[in-house]
Amino acid sequence: MTRQPFSSDRHLLAVALFVLSAISACTKPTAPTAAQPSPAASASPSPAPAASGTQDLSTLAVQVLNKAHRSGGVMLLGVCGPSGIADQYKLPASATLEPMDKALQEVAAQYQNIYWRESPATGVRVADSQAKGKLLAVRVREFRVVEDREPDRVMQMLWRTPEVSAFLRRNHVRFARRADGERKVLSPPMIVEMKNHTVADILDRIAAGYHSDPPKVWIYQECGENNKESRVDVQIR
């Protein structure tokens, strides 16, 4: 019988176990270490709050004139839309409102085509050099109204004068919205009687006829719907 080399087999088995142990130790996954925030990331400032919004130039102009207790009018070129004429000029909701000079200068600085002037006869005019405003220049031979309703009702009578009606027809101009006016009754009623004055002059007188403080302001907007027809909108606020 041949004798088996037990000592040599035990040596080989020991070496094999050592190798397997080493391989297991190398391939064992280490526990993940939680990422620590860097000082720079933890100290970063919170994002700035979003802007509070914008407002139309027509709205801002009325607010500025109200703050200054001034009468006047606003003439702008707008954008034709399905529900009327939209204001194309936007200002921050936090825009300056007073003093009037500073507020209107800031508007003119942002929009180079917007300018303003003031006179004892007409009050303050905020105007857009891109707007033609031909309706405002129409001269009416005689306009007389005794009315106890709100502005839209009074202006309807102005649009029916022969001179204005002829202008609207000849120039294919139509009003952008149906203006029926409120049913509020004024006491005493407004009386306006003028001869040989422009539409703008008459609007000044109508706005002043409400004797409110601050005075009311009229707003004229126009837009070109196509080459053959244009639209206008006139409000007194």
Protein backbone atom coordinates (compact mmCIF):
# COMPACT_ATOMS: atom_id res chain seq x y z
CA MET A 1 0.00 0.00 0.00
CA THR A 2 1.27 3.44 -0.98
CA ARG A 3 1.36 6.14 1.77
CA GLN A 4 -0.62 9.44 0.95
CA PRO A 5 1.19 12.76 1.56
CA PHE A 6 -1.33 14.21 4.13
CA SER A 7 0.93 17.05 5.20
CA SER A 8 1.27 18.36 1.65
CA ASP A 9 -2.53 18.27 1.10
CA ARG A 10 -3.13 20.19 4.30
CA HIS A 11 -0.68 22.84 3.15
CA LEU A 12 -2.41 23.27 -0.21
CA LEU A 13 -5.83 23.52 1.50
CA ALA A 14 -4.57 26.21 3.82
CA VAL A 15 -3.20 28.23 0.91
CA ALA A 16 -6.52 27.95 -0.97
CA LEU A 17 -8.51 29.16 2.04
CA PHE A 18 -6.16 32.12 2.47
CA VAL A 19 -6.58 33.12 -1.18
CA LEU A 20 -10.40 32.87 -0.99
CA SER A 21 -10.40 34.97 2.18
CA ALA A 22 -8.28 37.65 0.53
CA ILE A 23 -10.53 37.79 -2.55
CA SER A 24 -13.65 38.08 -0.36
CA ALA A 25 -12.13 40.94 1.61
CA CYS A 26 -11.27 42.86 -1.61
CA THR A 27 -14.71 42.51 -3.18
CA LYS A 28 -16.81 43.28 -0.05
CA PRO A 29 -18.64 46.60 -0.61
CA THR A 30 -17.88 49.37 1.81
CA ALA A 31 -20.72 51.25 3.49
CA PRO A 32 -21.49 54.50 1.66
CA THR A 33 -20.46 57.66 3.43
CA ALA A 34 -23.10 60.39 3.61
CA ALA A 35 -22.12 63.42 1.52
CA GLN A 36 -21.47 66.45 3.68
CA PRO A 37 -22.68 69.80 2.37
CA SER A 38 -19.88 72.18 1.55
CA PRO A 39 -19.73 75.42 3.52
CA ALA A 40 -20.22 77.39 0.31
CA ALA A 41 -23.43 75.53 -0.56
CA SER A 42 -24.92 75.92 2.91
CA ALA A 43 -24.14 79.63 2.92
CA SER A 44 -25.67 80.37 -0.50
CA PRO A 45 -28.39 83.08 -0.34
CA SER A 46 -32.03 82.24 -1.01
CA PRO A 47 -33.27 83.19 -4.49
CA ALA A 48 -34.63 86.70 -4.94
CA PRO A 49 -38.43 86.93 -4.95
CA ALA A 50 -40.09 87.14 -8.36
CA ALA A 51 -41.20 90.50 -9.70
CA SER A 52 -44.65 91.49 -8.47
CA GLY A 53 -45.93 92.07 -12.01
CA THR A 54 -46.61 94.84 -14.48
CA GLN A 55 -49.35 97.30 -15.26
CA ASP A 56 -50.58 99.08 -18.38
CA LEU A 57 -49.26 102.55 -19.14
CA SER A 58 -52.82 103.88 -19.39
CA THR A 59 -53.53 102.69 -15.83
CA LEU A 60 -50.27 104.11 -14.53
CA ALA A 61 -50.87 107.48 -16.21
CA VAL A 62 -54.28 107.81 -14.56
CA GLN A 63 -52.78 106.95 -11.16
CA VAL A 64 -50.01 109.52 -11.61
CA LEU A 65 -52.45 112.27 -12.56
CA ASN A 66 -54.77 111.32 -9.69
CA LYS A 67 -51.90 111.54 -7.20
CA ALA A 68 -51.06 114.99 -8.55
CA HIS A 69 -54.73 116.06 -8.61
CA ARG A 70 -54.39 116.97 -12.29
CA SER A 71 -56.90 116.71 -15.09
CA GLY A 72 -55.86 115.62 -18.57
CA GLY A 73 -55.89 113.01 -21.26
CA VAL A 74 -53.87 110.01 -22.47
CA MET A 75 -53.43 109.17 -26.17
CA LEU A 76 -51.85 105.81 -27.04
CA LEU A 77 -51.37 103.40 -29.91
CA GLY A 78 -52.69 100.01 -28.83
CA VAL A 79 -52.98 96.47 -30.20
CA CYS A 80 -56.21 95.17 -31.73
CA GLY A 81 -57.56 92.15 -29.88
CA PRO A 82 -60.70 90.00 -29.85
CA SER A 83 -62.14 91.83 -26.84
CA GLY A 84 -61.03 95.37 -27.64
CA ILE A 85 -57.77 97.29 -27.74
CA ALA A 86 -54.91 96.04 -25.55
CA ASP A 87 -52.26 98.31 -24.08
CA GLN A 88 -48.84 97.51 -25.55
CA TYR A 89 -46.84 99.56 -23.03
CA LYS A 90 -46.07 97.85 -19.71
CA LEU A 91 -44.53 99.33 -16.58
CA PRO A 92 -43.53 97.66 -13.30
CA ALA A 93 -46.29 97.44 -10.75
CA SER A 94 -43.93 99.27 -8.39
CA ALA A 95 -43.33 102.18 -10.81
CA THR A 96 -43.06 105.69 -9.39
CA LEU A 97 -46.39 107.51 -8.98
CA GLU A 98 -45.24 110.80 -7.50
CA PRO A 99 -44.04 113.43 -7.89
CA MET A 100 -45.69 113.67 -11.31
CA ASP A 101 -42.64 115.07 -13.12
CA LYS A 102 -40.39 112.23 -11.97
CA ALA A 103 -43.00 109.55 -12.68
CA LEU A 104 -43.64 110.70 -16.25
CA GLN A 105 -39.94 111.23 -16.94
CA GLU A 106 -39.30 107.60 -16.00
CA VAL A 107 -42.00 106.51 -18.45
CA ALA A 108 -40.47 108.63 -21.23
CA ALA A 109 -37.03 107.19 -20.45
CA GLN A 110 -38.32 103.65 -20.93
CA TYR A 111 -40.41 104.40 -24.03
CA GLN A 112 -38.81 107.03 -26.24
CA ASN A 113 -42.03 107.64 -28.20
CA ILE A 114 -44.02 108.60 -25.08
CA TYR A 115 -43.99 112.27 -24.13
CA TRP A 116 -46.02 114.59 -21.93
CA ARG A 117 -46.84 118.25 -21.58
CA GLU A 118 -49.03 120.42 -19.38
CA SER A 119 -50.95 123.62 -20.05
CA PRO A 120 -53.59 125.59 -18.13
CA ALA A 121 -56.08 125.09 -20.97
CA THR A 122 -55.85 121.31 -21.47
CA GLY A 123 -54.25 120.01 -18.29
CA VAL A 124 -51.74 117.18 -18.70
CA ARG A 125 -51.36 115.32 -21.97
CA VAL A 126 -49.56 111.96 -22.03
CA ALA A 127 -49.15 111.10 -25.70
CA ASP A 128 -47.68 108.47 -27.99
CA SER A 129 -45.94 109.88 -31.04
CA GLN A 130 -46.91 106.73 -32.97
CA ALA A 131 -50.64 107.37 -32.47
CA LYS A 132 -52.29 109.56 -35.11
CA GLY A 133 -55.25 110.67 -33.00
CA LYS A 134 -57.18 112.07 -35.97
CA LEU A 135 -60.50 111.66 -34.20
CA LEU A 136 -59.33 113.95 -31.41
CA ALA A 137 -58.60 116.72 -33.93
CA VAL A 138 -62.09 116.69 -35.48
CA ARG A 139 -63.69 120.10 -34.95
CA VAL A 140 -67.32 120.12 -33.88
CA ARG A 141 -69.41 123.13 -34.79
CA GLU A 142 -71.69 122.89 -31.78
CA PHE A 143 -71.98 120.47 -28.88
CA ARG A 144 -74.54 120.83 -26.15
CA VAL A 145 -75.52 118.25 -23.58
CA VAL A 146 -77.49 118.20 -20.37
CA GLU A 147 -76.87 114.75 -18.94
CA ASP A 148 -77.22 113.05 -15.57
CA ARG A 149 -75.51 109.79 -16.54
CA GLU A 150 -71.96 108.51 -16.41
CA PRO A 151 -69.22 109.30 -19.02
CA ASP A 152 -69.99 106.65 -21.65
CA ARG A 153 -73.54 107.95 -22.05
CA VAL A 154 -72.30 111.53 -22.51
CA MET A 155 -69.67 110.51 -25.06
CA GLN A 156 -72.26 108.64 -27.09
CA MET A 157 -73.85 111.99 -27.83
CA LEU A 158 -70.50 113.37 -28.96
CA TRP A 159 -69.98 110.48 -31.39
CA ARG A 160 -73.40 111.21 -32.93
CA THR A 161 -72.60 114.80 -33.87
CA PRO A 162 -72.60 115.33 -37.68
CA GLU A 163 -68.88 116.12 -37.86
CA VAL A 164 -67.77 113.08 -35.88
CA SER A 165 -70.22 110.73 -37.61
CA ALA A 166 -68.95 111.87 -41.02
CA PHE A 167 -65.32 111.38 -39.94
CA LEU A 168 -65.95 107.85 -38.69
CA ARG A 169 -67.74 106.90 -41.90
CA ARG A 170 -65.20 108.51 -44.22
CA ASN A 171 -62.16 106.99 -42.50
CA HIS A 172 -63.64 103.54 -41.80
CA VAL A 173 -63.21 103.94 -38.05
CA ARG A 174 -65.28 101.95 -35.58
CA PHE A 175 -65.33 101.77 -31.81
CA ALA A 176 -63.68 98.74 -30.25
CA ARG A 177 -66.28 98.18 -27.52
CA ARG A 178 -69.94 98.75 -26.91
CA ALA A 179 -70.20 101.55 -24.38
CA ASP A 180 -73.66 102.01 -22.88
CA GLY A 181 -72.64 103.75 -19.70
CA GLU A 182 -73.67 103.22 -16.11
CA ARG A 183 -77.13 104.09 -14.83
CA LYS A 184 -75.85 106.22 -11.98
CA VAL A 185 -77.68 109.54 -11.80
CA LEU A 186 -75.70 112.74 -11.29
CA SER A 187 -77.17 115.56 -9.26
CA PRO A 188 -77.08 118.26 -10.45
CA PRO A 189 -76.82 117.09 -14.08
CA MET A 190 -73.80 117.92 -16.19
CA ILE A 191 -74.21 120.80 -18.64
CA VAL A 192 -71.68 121.14 -21.48
CA GLU A 193 -72.13 123.75 -24.19
CA MET A 194 -69.28 124.39 -26.65
CA LYS A 195 -68.97 125.81 -30.14
CA ASN A 196 -66.22 125.24 -32.70
CA HIS A 197 -64.03 123.04 -30.51
CA THR A 198 -62.11 119.84 -31.16
CA VAL A 199 -63.12 116.44 -29.81
CA ALA A 200 -60.14 116.60 -27.42
CA ASP A 201 -61.34 119.96 -26.08
CA ILE A 202 -64.83 118.56 -25.54
CA LEU A 203 -63.45 115.49 -23.74
CA ASP A 204 -61.55 117.83 -21.42
CA ARG A 205 -64.77 119.67 -20.62
CA ILE A 206 -66.75 116.46 -20.10
CA ALA A 207 -64.12 115.08 -17.72
CA ALA A 208 -64.09 118.36 -15.77
CA GLY A 209 -67.89 118.38 -15.67
CA TYR A 210 -67.96 115.62 -13.04
CA HIS A 211 -66.37 117.93 -10.46
CA SER A 212 -64.54 115.04 -8.83
CA ASP A 213 -61.36 115.15 -6.79
CA PRO A 214 -59.06 113.95 -8.17
CA PRO A 215 -60.35 115.08 -11.59
CA LYS A 216 -61.35 112.46 -14.13
CA VAL A 217 -58.95 111.61 -16.99
CA TRP A 218 -59.89 110.57 -20.53
CA ILE A 219 -58.00 107.82 -22.35
CA TYR A 220 -57.91 107.48 -26.13
CA GLN A 221 -56.51 104.34 -27.77
CA GLU A 222 -56.38 103.36 -31.43
CA CYS A 223 -55.19 100.38 -33.44
CA GLY A 224 -55.09 99.40 -37.11
CA GLU A 225 -56.98 96.21 -37.74
CA ASN A 226 -56.09 96.21 -41.45
CA ASN A 227 -55.32 98.66 -44.20
CA LYS A 228 -58.98 99.59 -44.64
CA GLU A 229 -60.30 99.86 -41.11
CA SER A 230 -59.09 101.13 -37.76
CA ARG A 231 -60.53 100.90 -34.27
CA VAL A 232 -60.63 103.41 -31.45
CA ASP A 233 -61.65 103.32 -27.81
CA VAL A 234 -62.29 106.31 -25.56
CA GLN A 235 -62.88 106.05 -21.82
CA ILE A 236 -63.12 108.51 -18.98
CA ARG A 237 -61.81 107.20 -15.66
